[in-house]
Amino acid sequence: MFLYLHRILNQYIMGQYFTGVIVKENKTTIIAFVAPNGWRKLTEHSHIGNHFVGTFEKLIHENPQRVVWSGDYADHCKGLKSNLTDRCDKQPEKRVEVEDKTLGLRKTRYILNISKKLFVDKYKVKAGSWGLRYNPLPFLTCDSNGQGGGDYFGADPNNIVGSWCKDYVSVQGTKPKGFTELIFDLDLPN
């Protein structure tokens, strides 16, 4: 009972922390990960221009990888007693530090899902009242949204949140040929 109450308390007061992870074909072995050195909740760091997300985009720039934005409240990996975030904590040698210099929007304008032949144009993401535009990458690839404070709880009419989790994803500056455009239509806070 105590563990249940502790988890509920953490979910709604403290929130869930996320790490950007690249995994191997088996979807549980970690190749590399980027954990932010500050804002770790999904809606806190997932805006275009954020250095944490920008550092991760450098890893997948024109380099498709299996991507998951892993939350620390995610279920355990199949057949294991830990989730990807726990596994990252135990493998610090695979950590990529957040960099101040990112590739910029022109080089990362398009987010491609190689597995599903879909793409998102970040230029079409609407800005909120503060002028921030949310980067679709963390929302599309997250594994455990909705389990903690700071997660996305708005409307998702097309069920896109988490729909690219562990798919082959990359970013590039040129519009892909032979792909279908996915409109990032979440009702995100301003």
N, C-alpha and C. Protein backbone atom coordinates (compact mmCIF):
# COMPACT_ATOMS: atom_id res chain seq x y z
N MET A 1 0.83 -1.19 0.00
CA MET A 1 0.00 0.00 0.00
C MET A 1 0.88 1.25 0.00
N PHE A 2 1.96 1.22 0.79
CA PHE A 2 2.85 2.39 0.86
C PHE A 2 3.45 2.70 -0.51
N LEU A 3 3.92 1.66 -1.23
CA LEU A 3 4.53 1.88 -2.54
C LEU A 3 3.52 2.46 -3.52
N TYR A 4 2.29 2.00 -3.46
CA TYR A 4 1.24 2.53 -4.33
C TYR A 4 1.02 4.01 -4.05
N LEU A 5 0.88 4.39 -2.78
CA LEU A 5 0.68 5.80 -2.42
C LEU A 5 1.89 6.65 -2.80
N HIS A 6 3.09 6.11 -2.63
CA HIS A 6 4.30 6.82 -2.98
C HIS A 6 4.33 7.12 -4.49
N ARG A 7 3.97 6.14 -5.28
CA ARG A 7 3.95 6.32 -6.74
C ARG A 7 2.90 7.37 -7.14
N ILE A 8 1.72 7.31 -6.55
CA ILE A 8 0.66 8.28 -6.86
C ILE A 8 1.13 9.69 -6.49
N LEU A 9 1.73 9.84 -5.33
CA LEU A 9 2.23 11.13 -4.89
C LEU A 9 3.27 11.67 -5.86
N ASN A 10 4.21 10.83 -6.26
CA ASN A 10 5.24 11.25 -7.22
C ASN A 10 4.65 11.65 -8.56
N GLN A 11 3.64 10.91 -9.01
CA GLN A 11 3.06 11.17 -10.32
C GLN A 11 2.45 12.57 -10.40
N TYR A 12 1.78 12.98 -9.37
CA TYR A 12 1.03 14.22 -9.46
C TYR A 12 1.72 15.42 -8.82
N ILE A 13 2.70 15.18 -8.02
CA ILE A 13 3.41 16.30 -7.42
C ILE A 13 4.79 16.46 -8.05
N MET A 14 5.57 15.41 -8.05
CA MET A 14 6.93 15.52 -8.56
C MET A 14 7.00 15.37 -10.07
N GLY A 15 6.25 14.47 -10.62
CA GLY A 15 6.25 14.28 -12.06
C GLY A 15 7.25 13.24 -12.52
N GLN A 16 7.14 12.94 -13.79
CA GLN A 16 7.96 11.92 -14.44
C GLN A 16 9.12 12.58 -15.18
N TYR A 17 10.30 12.00 -15.06
CA TYR A 17 11.47 12.52 -15.74
C TYR A 17 11.77 11.68 -16.98
N PHE A 18 12.21 12.35 -18.05
CA PHE A 18 12.45 11.68 -19.32
C PHE A 18 13.90 11.75 -19.75
N THR A 19 14.31 10.74 -20.49
CA THR A 19 15.64 10.62 -21.06
C THR A 19 15.49 10.22 -22.52
N GLY A 20 16.22 10.86 -23.42
CA GLY A 20 16.21 10.46 -24.83
C GLY A 20 17.18 9.30 -25.03
N VAL A 21 16.68 8.18 -25.58
CA VAL A 21 17.47 6.96 -25.65
C VAL A 21 17.47 6.40 -27.08
N ILE A 22 18.62 5.92 -27.50
CA ILE A 22 18.76 5.16 -28.74
C ILE A 22 19.00 3.72 -28.34
N VAL A 23 18.17 2.82 -28.90
CA VAL A 23 18.29 1.40 -28.55
C VAL A 23 18.61 0.57 -29.78
N LYS A 24 19.14 -0.62 -29.51
CA LYS A 24 19.44 -1.57 -30.59
C LYS A 24 18.16 -2.23 -31.09
N GLU A 25 18.31 -3.09 -32.06
CA GLU A 25 17.19 -3.78 -32.70
C GLU A 25 16.30 -4.51 -31.69
N ASN A 26 16.89 -5.04 -30.61
CA ASN A 26 16.10 -5.77 -29.61
C ASN A 26 15.25 -4.85 -28.74
N LYS A 27 15.42 -3.54 -28.88
CA LYS A 27 14.65 -2.49 -28.22
C LYS A 27 14.89 -2.38 -26.71
N THR A 28 15.87 -3.09 -26.18
CA THR A 28 16.18 -3.00 -24.75
C THR A 28 17.66 -2.66 -24.50
N THR A 29 18.54 -2.95 -25.45
CA THR A 29 19.96 -2.67 -25.28
C THR A 29 20.23 -1.22 -25.70
N ILE A 30 20.86 -0.49 -24.82
CA ILE A 30 21.08 0.94 -25.04
C ILE A 30 22.35 1.17 -25.84
N ILE A 31 22.24 2.01 -26.88
CA ILE A 31 23.40 2.43 -27.66
C ILE A 31 23.95 3.73 -27.07
N ALA A 32 23.06 4.70 -26.85
CA ALA A 32 23.44 6.00 -26.29
C ALA A 32 22.20 6.66 -25.71
N PHE A 33 22.43 7.61 -24.80
CA PHE A 33 21.29 8.37 -24.26
C PHE A 33 21.74 9.78 -23.89
N VAL A 34 20.76 10.67 -23.88
CA VAL A 34 20.98 12.05 -23.46
C VAL A 34 19.98 12.34 -22.35
N ALA A 35 20.46 12.68 -21.19
CA ALA A 35 19.60 13.07 -20.07
C ALA A 35 19.84 14.55 -19.80
N PRO A 36 18.79 15.32 -19.67
CA PRO A 36 18.98 16.76 -19.45
C PRO A 36 19.60 17.04 -18.09
N ASN A 37 20.25 18.16 -18.00
CA ASN A 37 20.85 18.56 -16.73
C ASN A 37 19.97 19.60 -16.04
N GLY A 38 18.71 19.57 -16.34
CA GLY A 38 17.77 20.52 -15.74
C GLY A 38 16.35 20.03 -15.92
N TRP A 39 15.60 20.75 -16.69
CA TRP A 39 14.18 20.47 -16.90
C TRP A 39 13.98 19.09 -17.51
N ARG A 40 13.41 18.16 -16.76
CA ARG A 40 13.31 16.77 -17.22
C ARG A 40 11.89 16.33 -17.54
N LYS A 41 10.88 17.11 -17.17
CA LYS A 41 9.50 16.72 -17.46
C LYS A 41 9.22 16.98 -18.94
N LEU A 42 8.36 16.17 -19.52
CA LEU A 42 8.11 16.18 -20.95
C LEU A 42 7.74 17.57 -21.48
N THR A 43 6.78 18.22 -20.88
CA THR A 43 6.36 19.52 -21.40
C THR A 43 7.29 20.66 -20.99
N GLU A 44 8.25 20.40 -20.13
CA GLU A 44 9.21 21.43 -19.73
C GLU A 44 10.35 21.59 -20.73
N HIS A 45 10.78 20.50 -21.33
CA HIS A 45 11.97 20.56 -22.18
C HIS A 45 11.68 20.37 -23.67
N SER A 46 10.48 20.01 -24.03
CA SER A 46 10.20 19.61 -25.41
C SER A 46 9.81 20.78 -26.31
N HIS A 47 10.62 21.80 -26.33
CA HIS A 47 10.35 22.89 -27.26
C HIS A 47 11.50 23.04 -28.25
N ILE A 48 11.16 23.56 -29.41
CA ILE A 48 12.16 23.75 -30.45
C ILE A 48 13.20 24.75 -29.94
N GLY A 49 14.46 24.37 -30.04
CA GLY A 49 15.55 25.20 -29.55
C GLY A 49 16.12 24.76 -28.22
N ASN A 50 15.47 23.80 -27.55
CA ASN A 50 15.98 23.28 -26.29
C ASN A 50 17.27 22.50 -26.55
N HIS A 51 18.30 22.75 -25.77
CA HIS A 51 19.60 22.11 -25.99
C HIS A 51 19.60 20.61 -25.73
N PHE A 52 18.80 20.15 -24.79
CA PHE A 52 18.69 18.71 -24.52
C PHE A 52 18.17 18.00 -25.77
N VAL A 53 17.04 18.46 -26.31
CA VAL A 53 16.47 17.85 -27.50
C VAL A 53 17.40 18.06 -28.69
N GLY A 54 18.00 19.25 -28.79
CA GLY A 54 18.94 19.54 -29.88
C GLY A 54 20.16 18.64 -29.87
N THR A 55 20.67 18.32 -28.70
CA THR A 55 21.81 17.39 -28.59
C THR A 55 21.40 16.02 -29.09
N PHE A 56 20.20 15.59 -28.72
CA PHE A 56 19.72 14.29 -29.18
C PHE A 56 19.54 14.29 -30.70
N GLU A 57 19.03 15.38 -31.24
CA GLU A 57 18.84 15.46 -32.69
C GLU A 57 20.17 15.34 -33.45
N LYS A 58 21.25 15.80 -32.85
CA LYS A 58 22.57 15.64 -33.49
C LYS A 58 22.92 14.17 -33.66
N LEU A 59 22.49 13.33 -32.72
CA LEU A 59 22.79 11.89 -32.78
C LEU A 59 22.03 11.19 -33.90
N ILE A 60 20.86 11.72 -34.26
CA ILE A 60 20.04 11.06 -35.27
C ILE A 60 19.94 11.87 -36.56
N HIS A 61 20.75 12.91 -36.67
CA HIS A 61 20.74 13.74 -37.89
C HIS A 61 21.21 12.90 -39.07
N GLU A 62 20.32 12.69 -40.03
CA GLU A 62 20.60 11.88 -41.22
C GLU A 62 21.18 10.51 -40.84
N ASN A 63 20.78 10.01 -39.68
CA ASN A 63 21.29 8.76 -39.12
C ASN A 63 20.15 8.04 -38.39
N PRO A 64 19.27 7.34 -39.12
CA PRO A 64 18.12 6.70 -38.47
C PRO A 64 18.53 5.73 -37.36
N GLN A 65 17.85 5.89 -36.23
CA GLN A 65 18.10 5.05 -35.05
C GLN A 65 16.76 4.71 -34.42
N ARG A 66 16.72 3.62 -33.64
CA ARG A 66 15.53 3.31 -32.85
C ARG A 66 15.52 4.27 -31.66
N VAL A 67 14.46 5.07 -31.58
CA VAL A 67 14.40 6.16 -30.61
C VAL A 67 13.26 5.95 -29.63
N VAL A 68 13.54 6.24 -28.36
CA VAL A 68 12.49 6.26 -27.34
C VAL A 68 12.79 7.39 -26.35
N TRP A 69 11.78 8.19 -26.07
CA TRP A 69 11.88 9.21 -25.03
C TRP A 69 11.36 8.53 -23.79
N SER A 70 12.27 8.01 -22.99
CA SER A 70 11.92 7.10 -21.91
C SER A 70 11.65 7.81 -20.59
N GLY A 71 10.48 7.54 -20.03
CA GLY A 71 10.11 8.10 -18.74
C GLY A 71 10.48 7.17 -17.60
N ASP A 72 10.78 7.75 -16.45
CA ASP A 72 11.18 6.90 -15.33
C ASP A 72 10.00 6.16 -14.69
N TYR A 73 8.75 6.43 -15.14
CA TYR A 73 7.60 5.65 -14.68
C TYR A 73 7.19 4.59 -15.69
N ALA A 74 7.97 4.40 -16.73
CA ALA A 74 7.64 3.41 -17.77
C ALA A 74 7.64 2.00 -17.19
N ASP A 75 6.92 1.13 -17.85
CA ASP A 75 6.92 -0.29 -17.46
C ASP A 75 8.32 -0.86 -17.69
N HIS A 76 8.58 -1.98 -17.02
CA HIS A 76 9.86 -2.68 -17.21
C HIS A 76 9.96 -3.17 -18.64
N CYS A 77 11.17 -3.25 -19.14
CA CYS A 77 11.42 -3.83 -20.46
C CYS A 77 11.02 -5.30 -20.41
N LYS A 78 10.53 -5.81 -21.52
CA LYS A 78 10.08 -7.19 -21.59
C LYS A 78 11.19 -8.15 -21.15
N GLY A 79 10.88 -8.97 -20.16
CA GLY A 79 11.82 -9.97 -19.67
C GLY A 79 12.86 -9.42 -18.70
N LEU A 80 12.77 -8.14 -18.34
CA LEU A 80 13.75 -7.53 -17.44
C LEU A 80 13.05 -6.94 -16.22
N LYS A 81 13.83 -6.60 -15.21
CA LYS A 81 13.27 -6.02 -13.99
C LYS A 81 13.56 -4.52 -13.89
N SER A 82 13.74 -3.88 -15.05
CA SER A 82 13.99 -2.44 -15.06
C SER A 82 13.48 -1.86 -16.37
N ASN A 83 13.25 -0.54 -16.36
CA ASN A 83 12.86 0.14 -17.59
C ASN A 83 14.10 0.79 -18.22
N LEU A 84 13.94 1.43 -19.35
CA LEU A 84 15.10 2.00 -20.04
C LEU A 84 15.78 3.10 -19.23
N THR A 85 14.99 3.92 -18.54
CA THR A 85 15.59 4.98 -17.72
C THR A 85 16.47 4.39 -16.62
N ASP A 86 15.98 3.35 -15.97
CA ASP A 86 16.78 2.67 -14.94
C ASP A 86 18.07 2.10 -15.55
N ARG A 87 17.95 1.53 -16.74
CA ARG A 87 19.10 0.93 -17.41
C ARG A 87 20.13 2.00 -17.79
N CYS A 88 19.64 3.19 -18.17
CA CYS A 88 20.56 4.29 -18.49
C CYS A 88 21.36 4.70 -17.25
N ASP A 89 20.68 4.77 -16.12
CA ASP A 89 21.36 5.16 -14.87
C ASP A 89 22.50 4.22 -14.53
N LYS A 90 22.41 2.96 -14.96
CA LYS A 90 23.44 1.96 -14.65
C LYS A 90 24.51 1.87 -15.73
N GLN A 91 24.40 2.72 -16.78
CA GLN A 91 25.37 2.68 -17.88
C GLN A 91 25.86 4.10 -18.22
N PRO A 92 26.48 4.78 -17.26
CA PRO A 92 26.88 6.16 -17.49
C PRO A 92 27.86 6.35 -18.65
N GLU A 93 28.56 5.32 -19.04
CA GLU A 93 29.51 5.42 -20.15
C GLU A 93 28.80 5.63 -21.49
N LYS A 94 27.50 5.41 -21.55
CA LYS A 94 26.74 5.60 -22.79
C LYS A 94 26.04 6.96 -22.84
N ARG A 95 26.27 7.76 -21.81
CA ARG A 95 25.63 9.08 -21.72
C ARG A 95 26.34 10.08 -22.63
N VAL A 96 25.55 10.84 -23.36
CA VAL A 96 26.04 11.95 -24.17
C VAL A 96 25.64 13.22 -23.44
N GLU A 97 26.60 14.06 -23.14
CA GLU A 97 26.31 15.29 -22.39
C GLU A 97 25.60 16.32 -23.26
N VAL A 98 24.70 17.07 -22.65
CA VAL A 98 23.98 18.13 -23.35
C VAL A 98 24.98 19.19 -23.80
N GLU A 99 24.87 19.58 -25.07
CA GLU A 99 25.77 20.58 -25.65
C GLU A 99 25.03 21.89 -25.86
N ASP A 100 25.77 22.98 -25.80
CA ASP A 100 25.18 24.30 -26.06
C ASP A 100 24.96 24.53 -27.54
N LYS A 101 25.81 23.93 -28.37
CA LYS A 101 25.70 24.15 -29.81
C LYS A 101 24.89 23.01 -30.43
N THR A 102 23.79 23.39 -31.10
CA THR A 102 22.94 22.42 -31.77
C THR A 102 22.99 22.68 -33.27
N LEU A 103 22.35 21.83 -34.05
CA LEU A 103 22.37 21.95 -35.50
C LEU A 103 21.46 23.05 -36.02
N GLY A 104 20.48 23.44 -35.24
CA GLY A 104 19.55 24.49 -35.65
C GLY A 104 18.38 23.92 -36.44
N LEU A 105 17.36 24.73 -36.57
CA LEU A 105 16.12 24.29 -37.17
C LEU A 105 16.24 24.00 -38.66
N ARG A 106 17.07 24.73 -39.37
CA ARG A 106 17.19 24.48 -40.82
C ARG A 106 17.70 23.07 -41.11
N LYS A 107 18.61 22.56 -40.29
CA LYS A 107 19.17 21.22 -40.52
C LYS A 107 18.32 20.10 -39.91
N THR A 108 17.39 20.46 -39.01
CA THR A 108 16.58 19.45 -38.34
C THR A 108 15.09 19.69 -38.56
N ARG A 109 14.76 20.42 -39.60
CA ARG A 109 13.37 20.81 -39.86
C ARG A 109 12.42 19.62 -39.94
N TYR A 110 12.84 18.55 -40.57
CA TYR A 110 11.96 17.40 -40.79
C TYR A 110 12.35 16.25 -39.86
N ILE A 111 11.35 15.74 -39.16
CA ILE A 111 11.52 14.55 -38.33
C ILE A 111 10.93 13.39 -39.13
N LEU A 112 11.75 12.39 -39.42
CA LEU A 112 11.32 11.27 -40.26
C LEU A 112 11.14 10.00 -39.43
N ASN A 113 10.06 9.31 -39.67
CA ASN A 113 9.88 7.97 -39.15
C ASN A 113 10.14 7.03 -40.31
N ILE A 114 11.32 6.45 -40.33
CA ILE A 114 11.73 5.55 -41.41
C ILE A 114 10.87 4.29 -41.40
N SER A 115 10.53 3.80 -40.21
CA SER A 115 9.74 2.57 -40.07
C SER A 115 8.35 2.70 -40.69
N LYS A 116 7.74 3.88 -40.53
CA LYS A 116 6.36 4.07 -40.99
C LYS A 116 6.25 4.96 -42.23
N LYS A 117 7.39 5.44 -42.73
CA LYS A 117 7.41 6.33 -43.91
C LYS A 117 6.56 7.58 -43.70
N LEU A 118 6.71 8.19 -42.50
CA LEU A 118 6.01 9.42 -42.14
C LEU A 118 7.02 10.51 -41.83
N PHE A 119 6.61 11.78 -41.94
CA PHE A 119 7.46 12.88 -41.51
C PHE A 119 6.62 14.00 -40.92
N VAL A 120 7.27 14.80 -40.08
CA VAL A 120 6.67 16.00 -39.50
C VAL A 120 7.55 17.18 -39.89
N ASP A 121 6.91 18.26 -40.30
CA ASP A 121 7.59 19.51 -40.63
C ASP A 121 7.51 20.42 -39.41
N LYS A 122 8.63 20.65 -38.75
CA LYS A 122 8.63 21.48 -37.54
C LYS A 122 8.26 22.93 -37.84
N TYR A 123 8.42 23.39 -39.07
CA TYR A 123 8.01 24.75 -39.42
C TYR A 123 6.50 24.93 -39.28
N LYS A 124 5.75 23.85 -39.35
CA LYS A 124 4.28 23.93 -39.29
C LYS A 124 3.73 23.79 -37.87
N VAL A 125 4.60 23.60 -36.88
CA VAL A 125 4.15 23.50 -35.49
C VAL A 125 3.78 24.91 -35.02
N LYS A 126 2.56 25.04 -34.50
CA LYS A 126 2.07 26.35 -34.06
C LYS A 126 2.76 26.80 -32.78
N ALA A 127 2.98 28.12 -32.69
CA ALA A 127 3.59 28.71 -31.50
C ALA A 127 2.52 29.03 -30.48
N GLY A 128 2.89 28.89 -29.21
CA GLY A 128 2.00 29.27 -28.12
C GLY A 128 2.10 30.77 -27.85
N SER A 129 1.43 31.21 -26.82
CA SER A 129 1.37 32.64 -26.51
C SER A 129 2.73 33.22 -26.10
N TRP A 130 3.64 32.39 -25.65
CA TRP A 130 4.98 32.87 -25.28
C TRP A 130 5.94 32.78 -26.46
N GLY A 131 5.44 32.33 -27.59
CA GLY A 131 6.28 32.21 -28.78
C GLY A 131 7.02 30.89 -28.90
N LEU A 132 6.85 30.00 -27.93
CA LEU A 132 7.50 28.68 -27.99
C LEU A 132 6.72 27.75 -28.89
N ARG A 133 7.46 26.95 -29.64
CA ARG A 133 6.85 25.88 -30.43
C ARG A 133 7.41 24.57 -29.91
N TYR A 134 6.53 23.63 -29.65
CA TYR A 134 6.97 22.35 -29.11
C TYR A 134 7.57 21.47 -30.19
N ASN A 135 8.67 20.80 -29.84
CA ASN A 135 9.33 19.87 -30.74
C ASN A 135 8.57 18.55 -30.70
N PRO A 136 8.07 18.07 -31.83
CA PRO A 136 7.29 16.83 -31.84
C PRO A 136 8.07 15.58 -31.44
N LEU A 137 9.40 15.58 -31.60
CA LEU A 137 10.20 14.36 -31.38
C LEU A 137 9.93 13.71 -30.03
N PRO A 138 10.04 14.41 -28.90
CA PRO A 138 9.80 13.75 -27.61
C PRO A 138 8.37 13.22 -27.45
N PHE A 139 7.40 13.96 -27.94
CA PHE A 139 6.00 13.53 -27.81
C PHE A 139 5.72 12.28 -28.65
N LEU A 140 6.24 12.25 -29.87
CA LEU A 140 5.98 11.12 -30.76
C LEU A 140 6.66 9.83 -30.30
N THR A 141 7.81 9.96 -29.63
CA THR A 141 8.61 8.78 -29.28
C THR A 141 8.57 8.39 -27.81
N CYS A 142 7.76 9.08 -26.99
CA CYS A 142 7.76 8.78 -25.55
C CYS A 142 7.09 7.44 -25.26
N ASP A 143 7.54 6.80 -24.18
CA ASP A 143 7.05 5.47 -23.84
C ASP A 143 6.06 5.43 -22.69
N SER A 144 5.87 6.53 -21.98
CA SER A 144 5.04 6.44 -20.77
C SER A 144 4.34 7.75 -20.45
N ASN A 145 3.88 8.45 -21.45
CA ASN A 145 3.17 9.71 -21.22
C ASN A 145 1.88 9.46 -20.43
N GLY A 146 1.53 10.44 -19.61
CA GLY A 146 0.28 10.37 -18.86
C GLY A 146 0.40 9.76 -17.49
N GLN A 147 1.63 9.48 -17.05
CA GLN A 147 1.81 8.84 -15.76
C GLN A 147 2.37 9.78 -14.69
N GLY A 148 2.62 11.04 -15.03
CA GLY A 148 3.18 11.95 -14.05
C GLY A 148 2.92 13.40 -14.37
N GLY A 149 3.08 14.26 -13.37
CA GLY A 149 2.96 15.69 -13.58
C GLY A 149 4.00 16.15 -14.59
N GLY A 150 3.62 17.06 -15.45
CA GLY A 150 4.52 17.53 -16.50
C GLY A 150 4.39 16.74 -17.79
N ASP A 151 3.61 15.65 -17.77
CA ASP A 151 3.33 14.89 -18.99
C ASP A 151 2.27 15.64 -19.80
N TYR A 152 2.00 15.16 -21.00
CA TYR A 152 0.99 15.77 -21.84
C TYR A 152 -0.37 15.13 -21.55
N PHE A 153 -1.34 15.95 -21.15
CA PHE A 153 -2.67 15.46 -20.82
C PHE A 153 -3.76 16.07 -21.70
N GLY A 154 -3.37 16.77 -22.75
CA GLY A 154 -4.35 17.40 -23.63
C GLY A 154 -4.93 16.42 -24.63
N ALA A 155 -5.70 17.00 -25.55
CA ALA A 155 -6.35 16.20 -26.59
C ALA A 155 -5.30 15.61 -27.54
N ASP A 156 -5.54 14.40 -27.96
CA ASP A 156 -4.69 13.70 -28.93
C ASP A 156 -5.62 12.95 -29.89
N PRO A 157 -6.33 13.69 -30.74
CA PRO A 157 -7.37 13.08 -31.57
C PRO A 157 -6.87 12.00 -32.52
N ASN A 158 -5.62 12.06 -32.91
CA ASN A 158 -5.08 11.07 -33.85
C ASN A 158 -4.14 10.07 -33.19
N ASN A 159 -4.12 10.06 -31.84
CA ASN A 159 -3.30 9.11 -31.07
C ASN A 159 -1.84 9.09 -31.53
N ILE A 160 -1.26 10.28 -31.60
CA ILE A 160 0.13 10.35 -32.07
C ILE A 160 1.15 10.30 -30.94
N VAL A 161 0.76 10.63 -29.72
CA VAL A 161 1.71 10.62 -28.61
C VAL A 161 2.18 9.18 -28.38
N GLY A 162 3.48 8.97 -28.49
CA GLY A 162 4.07 7.66 -28.29
C GLY A 162 3.95 6.72 -29.49
N SER A 163 3.34 7.18 -30.56
CA SER A 163 3.10 6.28 -31.70
C SER A 163 4.37 5.94 -32.48
N TRP A 164 5.45 6.69 -32.26
CA TRP A 164 6.72 6.40 -32.94
C TRP A 164 7.74 5.75 -32.00
N CYS A 165 7.34 5.40 -30.81
CA CYS A 165 8.25 4.86 -29.79
C CYS A 165 8.98 3.62 -30.32
N LYS A 166 10.29 3.67 -30.30
CA LYS A 166 11.21 2.59 -30.70
C LYS A 166 11.21 2.32 -32.20
N ASP A 167 10.64 3.23 -32.99
CA ASP A 167 10.75 3.14 -34.45
C ASP A 167 12.08 3.75 -34.88
N TYR A 168 12.47 3.50 -36.12
CA TYR A 168 13.65 4.15 -36.69
C TYR A 168 13.28 5.58 -37.04
N VAL A 169 13.97 6.53 -36.41
CA VAL A 169 13.66 7.95 -36.56
C VAL A 169 14.95 8.70 -36.86
N SER A 170 14.84 9.75 -37.67
CA SER A 170 15.98 10.63 -37.93
C SER A 170 15.46 12.04 -38.16
N VAL A 171 16.37 12.99 -38.25
CA VAL A 171 16.03 14.37 -38.60
C VAL A 171 16.91 14.80 -39.76
N GLN A 172 16.37 15.71 -40.57
CA GLN A 172 17.15 16.24 -41.69
C GLN A 172 16.57 17.58 -42.11
N GLY A 173 17.31 18.29 -42.95
CA GLY A 173 16.90 19.62 -43.39
C GLY A 173 16.11 19.65 -44.68
N THR A 174 16.09 18.55 -45.41
CA THR A 174 15.37 18.52 -46.69
C THR A 174 14.12 17.65 -46.58
N LYS A 175 13.09 18.06 -47.32
CA LYS A 175 11.83 17.33 -47.29
C LYS A 175 12.03 15.95 -47.91
N PRO A 176 11.60 14.90 -47.20
CA PRO A 176 11.81 13.54 -47.71
C PRO A 176 10.86 13.21 -48.87
N LYS A 177 11.33 12.39 -49.77
CA LYS A 177 10.50 11.91 -50.88
C LYS A 177 9.96 10.53 -50.53
N GLY A 178 8.71 10.27 -50.93
CA GLY A 178 8.12 8.97 -50.69
C GLY A 178 7.57 8.78 -49.28
N PHE A 179 7.50 9.86 -48.50
CA PHE A 179 6.98 9.82 -47.13
C PHE A 179 5.65 10.58 -47.09
N THR A 180 4.80 10.24 -46.14
CA THR A 180 3.54 10.93 -45.92
C THR A 180 3.70 11.89 -44.75
N GLU A 181 3.17 13.09 -44.89
CA GLU A 181 3.28 14.08 -43.81
C GLU A 181 2.28 13.80 -42.70
N LEU A 182 2.76 13.84 -41.47
CA LEU A 182 1.93 13.75 -40.28
C LEU A 182 1.85 15.15 -39.68
N ILE A 183 0.65 15.64 -39.50
CA ILE A 183 0.48 16.96 -38.89
C ILE A 183 0.52 16.81 -37.37
N PHE A 184 1.43 17.55 -36.76
CA PHE A 184 1.57 17.54 -35.30
C PHE A 184 0.48 18.47 -34.74
N ASP A 185 -0.64 17.88 -34.30
CA ASP A 185 -1.83 18.65 -33.97
C ASP A 185 -2.21 18.61 -32.49
N LEU A 186 -1.25 18.41 -31.63
CA LEU A 186 -1.58 18.37 -30.21
C LEU A 186 -1.96 19.76 -29.69
N ASP A 187 -2.84 19.77 -28.72
CA ASP A 187 -3.29 21.00 -28.10
C ASP A 187 -2.38 21.27 -26.89
N LEU A 188 -1.20 21.80 -27.18
CA LEU A 188 -0.20 21.98 -26.13
C LEU A 188 -0.39 23.29 -25.39
N PRO A 189 0.03 23.34 -24.12
CA PRO A 189 -0.10 24.56 -23.35
C PRO A 189 0.71 25.69 -23.95
N ASN A 190 0.21 26.89 -23.74
CA ASN A 190 0.92 28.06 -24.28
C ASN A 190 1.94 28.59 -23.32
